[in-house]
Amino acid sequence: MPFSYTPQLGLLISAGVIGVYAVLCFGVGKVAAKKGRNFAGWFLFSLILSPIIGVFIVLLLGESTTKAVRDTSQVREVVKVRCTECGGTAKEDAAFCPSCGAQLAN
């Protein structure tokens, strides 16, 4: 039985190719968002050009500077002091010991 191409088969193949292309573009947007870049912008960029070009450029650019600054500002060193009464620890700016309630020297 020879293979016969029908318009319905062509429509099904076209829909599959467009679906895979859209999923790849969505992936580029997700990678860009993880690197601190705009998801929608990179999704559209890869939709217009190509997901392969889009992911290549996103990976080439690396993390955005605003994400890097945001990540470093969230890392804070917590300085602790020892209570002279019970030996417990408290944050440096605490007025009273959380363990025994004694007043801490500032």
PDB file of N, CA and C in Angstrom:
ATOM      1  N   MET A   1       0.843  -1.174   0.000  1.00  0.00           N
ATOM      2  CA  MET A   1       0.000   0.000   0.000  1.00  0.00           C
ATOM      3  C   MET A   1       0.891   1.240   0.000  1.00  0.00           C
ATOM      4  N   PRO A   2       0.819   2.024  -1.042  1.00  0.00           N
ATOM      5  CA  PRO A   2       1.663   3.220  -1.129  1.00  0.00           C
ATOM      6  C   PRO A   2       1.176   4.297  -0.156  1.00  0.00           C
ATOM      7  N   PHE A   3       2.129   5.106   0.248  1.00  0.00           N
ATOM      8  CA  PHE A   3       1.842   6.197   1.168  1.00  0.00           C
ATOM      9  C   PHE A   3       1.157   7.321   0.409  1.00  0.00           C
ATOM     10  N   SER A   4       0.068   7.808   0.951  1.00  0.00           N
ATOM     11  CA  SER A   4      -0.627   8.916   0.280  1.00  0.00           C
ATOM     12  C   SER A   4      -0.649  10.120   1.206  1.00  0.00           C
ATOM     13  N   TYR A   5      -0.243  11.224   0.671  1.00  0.00           N
ATOM     14  CA  TYR A   5      -0.209  12.486   1.408  1.00  0.00           C
ATOM     15  C   TYR A   5      -1.575  13.153   1.284  1.00  0.00           C
ATOM     16  N   THR A   6      -2.175  13.484   2.425  1.00  0.00           N
ATOM     17  CA  THR A   6      -3.476  14.168   2.417  1.00  0.00           C
ATOM     18  C   THR A   6      -3.321  15.533   3.073  1.00  0.00           C
ATOM     19  N   PRO A   7      -4.229  16.442   2.798  1.00  0.00           N
ATOM     20  CA  PRO A   7      -4.164  17.768   3.436  1.00  0.00           C
ATOM     21  C   PRO A   7      -4.260  17.690   4.964  1.00  0.00           C
ATOM     22  N   GLN A   8      -5.004  16.719   5.474  1.00  0.00           N
ATOM     23  CA  GLN A   8      -5.113  16.581   6.927  1.00  0.00           C
ATOM     24  C   GLN A   8      -3.763  16.180   7.538  1.00  0.00           C
ATOM     25  N   LEU A   9      -3.037  15.322   6.855  1.00  0.00           N
ATOM     26  CA  LEU A   9      -1.719  14.912   7.332  1.00  0.00           C
ATOM     27  C   LEU A   9      -0.752  16.096   7.310  1.00  0.00           C
ATOM     28  N   GLY A  10      -0.830  16.880   6.265  1.00  0.00           N
ATOM     29  CA  GLY A  10       0.024  18.069   6.178  1.00  0.00           C
ATOM     30  C   GLY A  10      -0.271  19.058   7.292  1.00  0.00           C
ATOM     31  N   LEU A  11      -1.534  19.230   7.620  1.00  0.00           N
ATOM     32  CA  LEU A  11      -1.927  20.125   8.706  1.00  0.00           C
ATOM     33  C   LEU A  11      -1.426  19.603  10.043  1.00  0.00           C
ATOM     34  N   LEU A  12      -1.504  18.298  10.231  1.00  0.00           N
ATOM     35  CA  LEU A  12      -1.042  17.682  11.472  1.00  0.00           C
ATOM     36  C   LEU A  12       0.471  17.831  11.626  1.00  0.00           C
ATOM     37  N   ILE A  13       1.207  17.627  10.568  1.00  0.00           N
ATOM     38  CA  ILE A  13       2.660  17.778  10.603  1.00  0.00           C
ATOM     39  C   ILE A  13       3.031  19.234  10.872  1.00  0.00           C
ATOM     40  N   SER A  14       2.357  20.172  10.222  1.00  0.00           N
ATOM     41  CA  SER A  14       2.623  21.594  10.429  1.00  0.00           C
ATOM     42  C   SER A  14       2.356  21.997  11.873  1.00  0.00           C
ATOM     43  N   ALA A  15       1.263  21.529  12.436  1.00  0.00           N
ATOM     44  CA  ALA A  15       0.929  21.844  13.827  1.00  0.00           C
ATOM     45  C   ALA A  15       1.989  21.277  14.774  1.00  0.00           C
ATOM     46  N   GLY A  16       2.479  20.096  14.489  1.00  0.00           N
ATOM     47  CA  GLY A  16       3.525  19.502  15.320  1.00  0.00           C
ATOM     48  C   GLY A  16       4.821  20.290  15.271  1.00  0.00           C
ATOM     49  N   VAL A  17       5.208  20.711  14.083  1.00  0.00           N
ATOM     50  CA  VAL A  17       6.441  21.487  13.930  1.00  0.00           C
ATOM     51  C   VAL A  17       6.309  22.837  14.641  1.00  0.00           C
ATOM     52  N   ILE A  18       5.175  23.495  14.491  1.00  0.00           N
ATOM     53  CA  ILE A  18       4.952  24.784  15.162  1.00  0.00           C
ATOM     54  C   ILE A  18       4.931  24.598  16.677  1.00  0.00           C
ATOM     55  N   GLY A  19       4.349  23.517  17.149  1.00  0.00           N
ATOM     56  CA  GLY A  19       4.314  23.241  18.580  1.00  0.00           C
ATOM     57  C   GLY A  19       5.702  23.028  19.155  1.00  0.00           C
ATOM     58  N   VAL A  20       6.523  22.258  18.484  1.00  0.00           N
ATOM     59  CA  VAL A  20       7.893  22.013  18.942  1.00  0.00           C
ATOM     60  C   VAL A  20       8.689  23.315  18.929  1.00  0.00           C
ATOM     61  N   TYR A  21       8.510  24.119  17.903  1.00  0.00           N
ATOM     62  CA  TYR A  21       9.199  25.407  17.793  1.00  0.00           C
ATOM     63  C   TYR A  21       8.807  26.312  18.963  1.00  0.00           C
ATOM     64  N   ALA A  22       7.512  26.358  19.299  1.00  0.00           N
ATOM     65  CA  ALA A  22       7.039  27.193  20.405  1.00  0.00           C
ATOM     66  C   ALA A  22       7.591  26.698  21.738  1.00  0.00           C
ATOM     67  N   VAL A  23       7.660  25.392  21.936  1.00  0.00           N
ATOM     68  CA  VAL A  23       8.215  24.838  23.177  1.00  0.00           C
ATOM     69  C   VAL A  23       9.694  25.187  23.297  1.00  0.00           C
ATOM     70  N   LEU A  24      10.431  25.122  22.210  1.00  0.00           N
ATOM     71  CA  LEU A  24      11.844  25.499  22.235  1.00  0.00           C
ATOM     72  C   LEU A  24      12.012  26.979  22.570  1.00  0.00           C
ATOM     73  N   CYS A  25      11.152  27.825  22.013  1.00  0.00           N
ATOM     74  CA  CYS A  25      11.204  29.262  22.316  1.00  0.00           C
ATOM     75  C   CYS A  25      10.859  29.514  23.781  1.00  0.00           C
ATOM     76  N   PHE A  26       9.919  28.757  24.320  1.00  0.00           N
ATOM     77  CA  PHE A  26       9.568  28.852  25.731  1.00  0.00           C
ATOM     78  C   PHE A  26      10.778  28.479  26.590  1.00  0.00           C
ATOM     79  N   GLY A  27      11.507  27.463  26.178  1.00  0.00           N
ATOM     80  CA  GLY A  27      12.718  27.058  26.899  1.00  0.00           C
ATOM     81  C   GLY A  27      13.767  28.155  26.915  1.00  0.00           C
ATOM     82  N   VAL A  28      13.922  28.858  25.801  1.00  0.00           N
ATOM     83  CA  VAL A  28      14.863  29.981  25.746  1.00  0.00           C
ATOM     84  C   VAL A  28      14.435  31.056  26.736  1.00  0.00           C
ATOM     85  N   GLY A  29      13.141  31.327  26.799  1.00  0.00           N
ATOM     86  CA  GLY A  29      12.638  32.314  27.756  1.00  0.00           C
ATOM     87  C   GLY A  29      12.917  31.899  29.183  1.00  0.00           C
ATOM     88  N   LYS A  30      12.751  30.617  29.498  1.00  0.00           N
ATOM     89  CA  LYS A  30      13.017  30.126  30.858  1.00  0.00           C
ATOM     90  C   LYS A  30      14.495  30.242  31.213  1.00  0.00           C
ATOM     91  N   VAL A  31      15.368  29.903  30.277  1.00  0.00           N
ATOM     92  CA  VAL A  31      16.809  30.031  30.519  1.00  0.00           C
ATOM     93  C   VAL A  31      17.163  31.499  30.749  1.00  0.00           C
ATOM     94  N   ALA A  32      16.583  32.383  29.950  1.00  0.00           N
ATOM     95  CA  ALA A  32      16.847  33.813  30.105  1.00  0.00           C
ATOM     96  C   ALA A  32      16.348  34.304  31.458  1.00  0.00           C
ATOM     97  N   ALA A  33      15.180  33.850  31.885  1.00  0.00           N
ATOM     98  CA  ALA A  33      14.636  34.272  33.175  1.00  0.00           C
ATOM     99  C   ALA A  33      15.518  33.803  34.325  1.00  0.00           C
ATOM    100  N   LYS A  34      16.080  32.619  34.223  1.00  0.00           N
ATOM    101  CA  LYS A  34      16.984  32.129  35.270  1.00  0.00           C
ATOM    102  C   LYS A  34      18.253  32.961  35.346  1.00  0.00           C
ATOM    103  N   LYS A  35      18.616  33.588  34.260  1.00  0.00           N
ATOM    104  CA  LYS A  35      19.810  34.426  34.236  1.00  0.00           C
ATOM    105  C   LYS A  35      19.487  35.892  34.520  1.00  0.00           C
ATOM    106  N   GLY A  36      18.255  36.150  34.957  1.00  0.00           N
ATOM    107  CA  GLY A  36      17.877  37.509  35.341  1.00  0.00           C
ATOM    108  C   GLY A  36      17.452  38.389  34.185  1.00  0.00           C
ATOM    109  N   ARG A  37      17.099  37.793  33.089  1.00  0.00           N
ATOM    110  CA  ARG A  37      16.674  38.559  31.909  1.00  0.00           C
ATOM    111  C   ARG A  37      15.173  38.405  31.695  1.00  0.00           C
ATOM    112  N   ASN A  38      14.624  39.195  30.800  1.00  0.00           N
ATOM    113  CA  ASN A  38      13.187  39.251  30.557  1.00  0.00           C
ATOM    114  C   ASN A  38      12.713  38.012  29.787  1.00  0.00           C
ATOM    115  N   PHE A  39      11.801  37.246  30.415  1.00  0.00           N
ATOM    116  CA  PHE A  39      11.287  36.026  29.791  1.00  0.00           C
ATOM    117  C   PHE A  39      10.587  36.332  28.471  1.00  0.00           C
ATOM    118  N   ALA A  40       9.640  37.282  28.499  1.00  0.00           N
ATOM    119  CA  ALA A  40       8.829  37.576  27.308  1.00  0.00           C
ATOM    120  C   ALA A  40       9.682  38.112  26.164  1.00  0.00           C
ATOM    121  N   GLY A  41      10.633  38.948  26.486  1.00  0.00           N
ATOM    122  CA  GLY A  41      11.501  39.513  25.448  1.00  0.00           C
ATOM    123  C   GLY A  41      12.313  38.452  24.734  1.00  0.00           C
ATOM    124  N   TRP A  42      12.885  37.538  25.508  1.00  0.00           N
ATOM    125  CA  TRP A  42      13.702  36.493  24.898  1.00  0.00           C
ATOM    126  C   TRP A  42      12.845  35.434  24.215  1.00  0.00           C
ATOM    127  N   PHE A  43      11.631  35.207  24.723  1.00  0.00           N
ATOM    128  CA  PHE A  43      10.709  34.297  24.039  1.00  0.00           C
ATOM    129  C   PHE A  43      10.382  34.843  22.651  1.00  0.00           C
ATOM    130  N   LEU A  44      10.025  36.118  22.593  1.00  0.00           N
ATOM    131  CA  LEU A  44       9.702  36.734  21.296  1.00  0.00           C
ATOM    132  C   LEU A  44      10.925  36.803  20.388  1.00  0.00           C
ATOM    133  N   PHE A  45      12.086  37.126  20.964  1.00  0.00           N
ATOM    134  CA  PHE A  45      13.316  37.186  20.189  1.00  0.00           C
ATOM    135  C   PHE A  45      13.593  35.844  19.512  1.00  0.00           C
ATOM    136  N   SER A  46      13.470  34.757  20.282  1.00  0.00           N
ATOM    137  CA  SER A  46      13.740  33.440  19.705  1.00  0.00           C
ATOM    138  C   SER A  46      12.620  32.988  18.781  1.00  0.00           C
ATOM    139  N   LEU A  47      11.410  33.482  19.011  1.00  0.00           N
ATOM    140  CA  LEU A  47      10.291  33.155  18.131  1.00  0.00           C
ATOM    141  C   LEU A  47      10.499  33.785  16.756  1.00  0.00           C
ATOM    142  N   ILE A  48      11.008  35.012  16.731  1.00  0.00           N
ATOM    143  CA  ILE A  48      11.232  35.724  15.466  1.00  0.00           C
ATOM    144  C   ILE A  48      12.468  35.194  14.745  1.00  0.00           C
ATOM    145  N   LEU A  49      13.578  35.051  15.463  1.00  0.00           N
ATOM    146  CA  LEU A  49      14.806  34.592  14.809  1.00  0.00           C
ATOM    147  C   LEU A  49      14.893  33.073  14.782  1.00  0.00           C
ATOM    148  N   SER A  50      15.247  32.516  15.934  1.00  0.00           N
ATOM    149  CA  SER A  50      15.383  31.058  16.023  1.00  0.00           C
ATOM    150  C   SER A  50      15.682  30.706  17.474  1.00  0.00           C
ATOM    151  N   PRO A  51      15.124  29.607  17.984  1.00  0.00           N
ATOM    152  CA  PRO A  51      15.457  29.208  19.347  1.00  0.00           C
ATOM    153  C   PRO A  51      16.942  28.864  19.509  1.00  0.00           C
ATOM    154  N   ILE A  52      17.561  28.356  18.475  1.00  0.00           N
ATOM    155  CA  ILE A  52      18.984  28.016  18.550  1.00  0.00           C
ATOM    156  C   ILE A  52      19.816  29.280  18.701  1.00  0.00           C
ATOM    157  N   ILE A  53      19.512  30.303  17.913  1.00  0.00           N
ATOM    158  CA  ILE A  53      20.224  31.580  18.030  1.00  0.00           C
ATOM    159  C   ILE A  53      19.920  32.218  19.378  1.00  0.00           C
ATOM    160  N   GLY A  54      18.661  32.163  19.807  1.00  0.00           N
ATOM    161  CA  GLY A  54      18.263  32.763  21.077  1.00  0.00           C
ATOM    162  C   GLY A  54      18.986  32.154  22.261  1.00  0.00           C
ATOM    163  N   VAL A  55      19.023  30.832  22.350  1.00  0.00           N
ATOM    164  CA  VAL A  55      19.688  30.189  23.484  1.00  0.00           C
ATOM    165  C   VAL A  55      21.194  30.421  23.424  1.00  0.00           C
ATOM    166  N   PHE A  56      21.764  30.466  22.244  1.00  0.00           N
ATOM    167  CA  PHE A  56      23.191  30.723  22.103  1.00  0.00           C
ATOM    168  C   PHE A  56      23.534  32.114  22.637  1.00  0.00           C
ATOM    169  N   ILE A  57      22.742  33.118  22.269  1.00  0.00           N
ATOM    170  CA  ILE A  57      23.002  34.488  22.723  1.00  0.00           C
ATOM    171  C   ILE A  57      22.775  34.621  24.223  1.00  0.00           C
ATOM    172  N   VAL A  58      21.702  34.015  24.742  1.00  0.00           N
ATOM    173  CA  VAL A  58      21.431  34.092  26.186  1.00  0.00           C
ATOM    174  C   VAL A  58      22.583  33.473  26.965  1.00  0.00           C
ATOM    175  N   LEU A  59      23.065  32.324  26.539  1.00  0.00           N
ATOM    176  CA  LEU A  59      24.176  31.684  27.238  1.00  0.00           C
ATOM    177  C   LEU A  59      25.469  32.470  27.080  1.00  0.00           C
ATOM    178  N   LEU A  60      25.635  33.100  25.936  1.00  0.00           N
ATOM    179  CA  LEU A  60      26.827  33.906  25.696  1.00  0.00           C
ATOM    180  C   LEU A  60      26.835  35.150  26.587  1.00  0.00           C
ATOM    181  N   LEU A  61      25.662  35.769  26.778  1.00  0.00           N
ATOM    182  CA  LEU A  61      25.585  36.980  27.601  1.00  0.00           C
ATOM    183  C   LEU A  61      25.772  36.691  29.085  1.00  0.00           C
ATOM    184  N   GLY A  62      25.349  35.545  29.559  1.00  0.00           N
ATOM    185  CA  GLY A  62      25.486  35.212  30.975  1.00  0.00           C
ATOM    186  C   GLY A  62      24.425  35.900  31.811  1.00  0.00           C
ATOM    187  N   GLU A  63      24.687  35.994  33.134  1.00  0.00           N
ATOM    188  CA  GLU A  63      23.724  36.600  34.046  1.00  0.00           C
ATOM    189  C   GLU A  63      23.703  38.106  33.869  1.00  0.00           C
ATOM    190  N   SER A  64      22.529  38.683  34.079  1.00  0.00           N
ATOM    191  CA  SER A  64      22.418  40.135  33.999  1.00  0.00           C
ATOM    192  C   SER A  64      23.050  40.750  35.234  1.00  0.00           C
ATOM    193  N   THR A  65      23.518  41.983  35.113  1.00  0.00           N
ATOM    194  CA  THR A  65      24.185  42.632  36.244  1.00  0.00           C
ATOM    195  C   THR A  65      23.211  42.911  37.374  1.00  0.00           C
ATOM    196  N   THR A  66      21.946  43.186  37.070  1.00  0.00           N
ATOM    197  CA  THR A  66      20.981  43.448  38.138  1.00  0.00           C
ATOM    198  C   THR A  66      20.726  42.195  38.963  1.00  0.00           C
ATOM    199  N   LYS A  67      20.722  41.022  38.327  1.00  0.00           N
ATOM    200  CA  LYS A  67      20.529  39.787  39.086  1.00  0.00           C
ATOM    201  C   LYS A  67      21.736  39.519  39.961  1.00  0.00           C
ATOM    202  N   ALA A  68      22.926  39.771  39.440  1.00  0.00           N
ATOM    203  CA  ALA A  68      24.133  39.554  40.234  1.00  0.00           C
ATOM    204  C   ALA A  68      24.162  40.478  41.443  1.00  0.00           C
ATOM    205  N   VAL A  69      23.775  41.736  41.261  1.00  0.00           N
ATOM    206  CA  VAL A  69      23.729  42.679  42.379  1.00  0.00           C
ATOM    207  C   VAL A  69      22.668  42.246  43.370  1.00  0.00           C
ATOM    208  N   ARG A  70      21.515  41.828  42.889  1.00  0.00           N
ATOM    209  CA  ARG A  70      20.429  41.392  43.762  1.00  0.00           C
ATOM    210  C   ARG A  70      20.849  40.180  44.579  1.00  0.00           C
ATOM    211  N   ASP A  71      21.550  39.232  43.960  1.00  0.00           N
ATOM    212  CA  ASP A  71      21.979  38.035  44.665  1.00  0.00           C
ATOM    213  C   ASP A  71      23.006  38.361  45.749  1.00  0.00           C
ATOM    214  N   THR A  72      23.936  39.261  45.463  1.00  0.00           N
ATOM    215  CA  THR A  72      24.952  39.587  46.463  1.00  0.00           C
ATOM    216  C   THR A  72      24.376  40.417  47.597  1.00  0.00           C
ATOM    217  N   SER A  73      23.345  41.205  47.335  1.00  0.00           N
ATOM    218  CA  SER A  73      22.758  42.004  48.413  1.00  0.00           C
ATOM    219  C   SER A  73      21.954  41.136  49.369  1.00  0.00           C
ATOM    220  N   GLN A  74      21.529  39.965  48.932  1.00  0.00           N
ATOM    221  CA  GLN A  74      20.772  39.082  49.808  1.00  0.00           C
ATOM    222  C   GLN A  74      21.678  38.289  50.734  1.00  0.00           C
ATOM    223  N   VAL A  75      22.969  38.223  50.421  1.00  0.00           N
ATOM    224  CA  VAL A  75      23.902  37.497  51.262  1.00  0.00           C
ATOM    225  C   VAL A  75      24.462  38.476  52.279  1.00  0.00           C
ATOM    226  N   ARG A  76      24.081  38.284  53.518  1.00  0.00           N
ATOM    227  CA  ARG A  76      24.561  39.162  54.584  1.00  0.00           C
ATOM    228  C   ARG A  76      25.192  38.307  55.666  1.00  0.00           C
ATOM    229  N   GLU A  77      26.271  38.791  56.173  1.00  0.00           N
ATOM    230  CA  GLU A  77      26.927  38.090  57.258  1.00  0.00           C
ATOM    231  C   GLU A  77      26.267  38.495  58.564  1.00  0.00           C
ATOM    232  N   VAL A  78      25.832  37.525  59.341  1.00  0.00           N
ATOM    233  CA  VAL A  78      25.190  37.783  60.617  1.00  0.00           C
ATOM    234  C   VAL A  78      26.262  37.733  61.702  1.00  0.00           C
ATOM    235  N   VAL A  79      26.464  38.873  62.352  1.00  0.00           N
ATOM    236  CA  VAL A  79      27.449  38.954  63.412  1.00  0.00           C
ATOM    237  C   VAL A  79      26.742  38.681  64.729  1.00  0.00           C
ATOM    238  N   LYS A  80      27.297  37.769  65.512  1.00  0.00           N
ATOM    239  CA  LYS A  80      26.679  37.408  66.784  1.00  0.00           C
ATOM    240  C   LYS A  80      27.611  37.762  67.930  1.00  0.00           C
ATOM    241  N   VAL A  81      27.001  38.051  69.075  1.00  0.00           N
ATOM    242  CA  VAL A  81      27.756  38.337  70.298  1.00  0.00           C
ATOM    243  C   VAL A  81      27.364  37.321  71.360  1.00  0.00           C
ATOM    244  N   ARG A  82      28.242  37.110  72.337  1.00  0.00           N
ATOM    245  CA  ARG A  82      27.975  36.173  73.434  1.00  0.00           C
ATOM    246  C   ARG A  82      27.443  36.930  74.640  1.00  0.00           C
ATOM    247  N   CYS A  83      26.492  36.303  75.291  1.00  0.00           N
ATOM    248  CA  CYS A  83      25.924  36.848  76.527  1.00  0.00           C
ATOM    249  C   CYS A  83      26.900  36.552  77.664  1.00  0.00           C
ATOM    250  N   THR A  84      27.149  37.560  78.512  1.00  0.00           N
ATOM    251  CA  THR A  84      28.071  37.361  79.644  1.00  0.00           C
ATOM    252  C   THR A  84      27.421  36.549  80.759  1.00  0.00           C
ATOM    253  N   GLU A  85      26.088  36.503  80.786  1.00  0.00           N
ATOM    254  CA  GLU A  85      25.381  35.785  81.852  1.00  0.00           C
ATOM    255  C   GLU A  85      25.279  34.290  81.572  1.00  0.00           C
ATOM    256  N   CYS A  86      24.753  33.926  80.395  1.00  0.00           N
ATOM    257  CA  CYS A  86      24.491  32.507  80.110  1.00  0.00           C
ATOM    258  C   CYS A  86      25.398  31.921  79.035  1.00  0.00           C
ATOM    259  N   GLY A  87      26.110  32.764  78.308  1.00  0.00           N
ATOM    260  CA  GLY A  87      26.985  32.279  77.246  1.00  0.00           C
ATOM    261  C   GLY A  87      26.262  32.039  75.926  1.00  0.00           C
ATOM    262  N   GLY A  88      24.965  32.358  75.853  1.00  0.00           N
ATOM    263  CA  GLY A  88      24.199  32.200  74.622  1.00  0.00           C
ATOM    264  C   GLY A  88      24.607  33.232  73.579  1.00  0.00           C
ATOM    265  N   THR A  89      24.174  33.040  72.354  1.00  0.00           N
ATOM    266  CA  THR A  89      24.504  33.982  71.289  1.00  0.00           C
ATOM    267  C   THR A  89      23.273  34.763  70.876  1.00  0.00           C
ATOM    268  N   ALA A  90      23.526  35.985  70.444  1.00  0.00           N
ATOM    269  CA  ALA A  90      22.469  36.868  69.957  1.00  0.00           C
ATOM    270  C   ALA A  90      23.033  37.706  68.830  1.00  0.00           C
ATOM    271  N   LYS A  91      22.152  38.266  67.997  1.00  0.00           N
ATOM    272  CA  LYS A  91      22.597  39.160  66.933  1.00  0.00           C
ATOM    273  C   LYS A  91      23.275  40.379  67.544  1.00  0.00           C
ATOM    274  N   GLU A  92      24.176  40.957  66.773  1.00  0.00           N
ATOM    275  CA  GLU A  92      24.988  42.065  67.271  1.00  0.00           C
ATOM    276  C   GLU A  92      24.142  43.249  67.736  1.00  0.00           C
ATOM    277  N   ASP A  93      23.040  43.522  67.065  1.00  0.00           N
ATOM    278  CA  ASP A  93      22.228  44.687  67.415  1.00  0.00           C
ATOM    279  C   ASP A  93      21.132  44.391  68.442  1.00  0.00           C
ATOM    280  N   ALA A  94      21.132  43.179  69.024  1.00  0.00           N
ATOM    281  CA  ALA A  94      20.121  42.823  70.015  1.00  0.00           C
ATOM    282  C   ALA A  94      20.410  43.537  71.334  1.00  0.00           C
ATOM    283  N   ALA A  95      19.353  43.988  72.008  1.00  0.00           N
ATOM    284  CA  ALA A  95      19.498  44.659  73.296  1.00  0.00           C
ATOM    285  C   ALA A  95      19.489  43.659  74.441  1.00  0.00           C
ATOM    286  N   PHE A  96      18.780  42.543  74.272  1.00  0.00           N
ATOM    287  CA  PHE A  96      18.663  41.546  75.329  1.00  0.00           C
ATOM    288  C   PHE A  96      19.005  40.164  74.782  1.00  0.00           C
ATOM    289  N   CYS A  97      19.501  39.305  75.658  1.00  0.00           N
ATOM    290  CA  CYS A  97      19.822  37.930  75.294  1.00  0.00           C
ATOM    291  C   CYS A  97      18.539  37.151  75.065  1.00  0.00           C
ATOM    292  N   PRO A  98      18.398  36.448  73.951  1.00  0.00           N
ATOM    293  CA  PRO A  98      17.174  35.676  73.711  1.00  0.00           C
ATOM    294  C   PRO A  98      17.061  34.449  74.614  1.00  0.00           C
ATOM    295  N   SER A  99      18.168  33.997  75.188  1.00  0.00           N
ATOM    296  CA  SER A  99      18.139  32.813  76.045  1.00  0.00           C
ATOM    297  C   SER A  99      17.730  33.142  77.475  1.00  0.00           C
ATOM    298  N   CYS A 100      18.399  34.138  78.075  1.00  0.00           N
ATOM    299  CA  CYS A 100      18.146  34.422  79.491  1.00  0.00           C
ATOM    300  C   CYS A 100      17.489  35.771  79.742  1.00  0.00           C
ATOM    301  N   GLY A 101      17.451  36.646  78.771  1.00  0.00           N
ATOM    302  CA  GLY A 101      16.811  37.952  78.937  1.00  0.00           C
ATOM    303  C   GLY A 101      17.716  39.016  79.531  1.00  0.00           C
ATOM    304  N   ALA A 102      18.970  38.694  79.760  1.00  0.00           N
ATOM    305  CA  ALA A 102      19.903  39.679  80.325  1.00  0.00           C
ATOM    306  C   ALA A 102      20.197  40.765  79.294  1.00  0.00           C
ATOM    307  N   GLN A 103      20.476  41.979  79.788  1.00  0.00           N
ATOM    308  CA  GLN A 103      20.788  43.082  78.900  1.00  0.00           C
ATOM    309  C   GLN A 103      22.199  42.909  78.361  1.00  0.00           C
ATOM    310  N   LEU A 104      22.341  43.084  77.045  1.00  0.00           N
ATOM    311  CA  LEU A 104      23.614  42.919  76.391  1.00  0.00           C
ATOM    312  C   LEU A 104      24.312  44.275  76.276  1.00  0.00           C
ATOM    313  N   ALA A 105      25.621  44.265  76.383  1.00  0.00           N
ATOM    314  CA  ALA A 105      26.393  45.498  76.235  1.00  0.00           C
ATOM    315  C   ALA A 105      26.531  45.806  74.742  1.00  0.00           C
ATOM    316  N   ASN A 106      26.151  46.997  74.342  1.00  0.00           N
ATOM    317  CA  ASN A 106      26.238  47.385  72.911  1.00  0.00           C
ATOM    318  C   ASN A 106      27.475  48.142  72.666  1.00  0.00           C
TER     319      ASN A 106
END
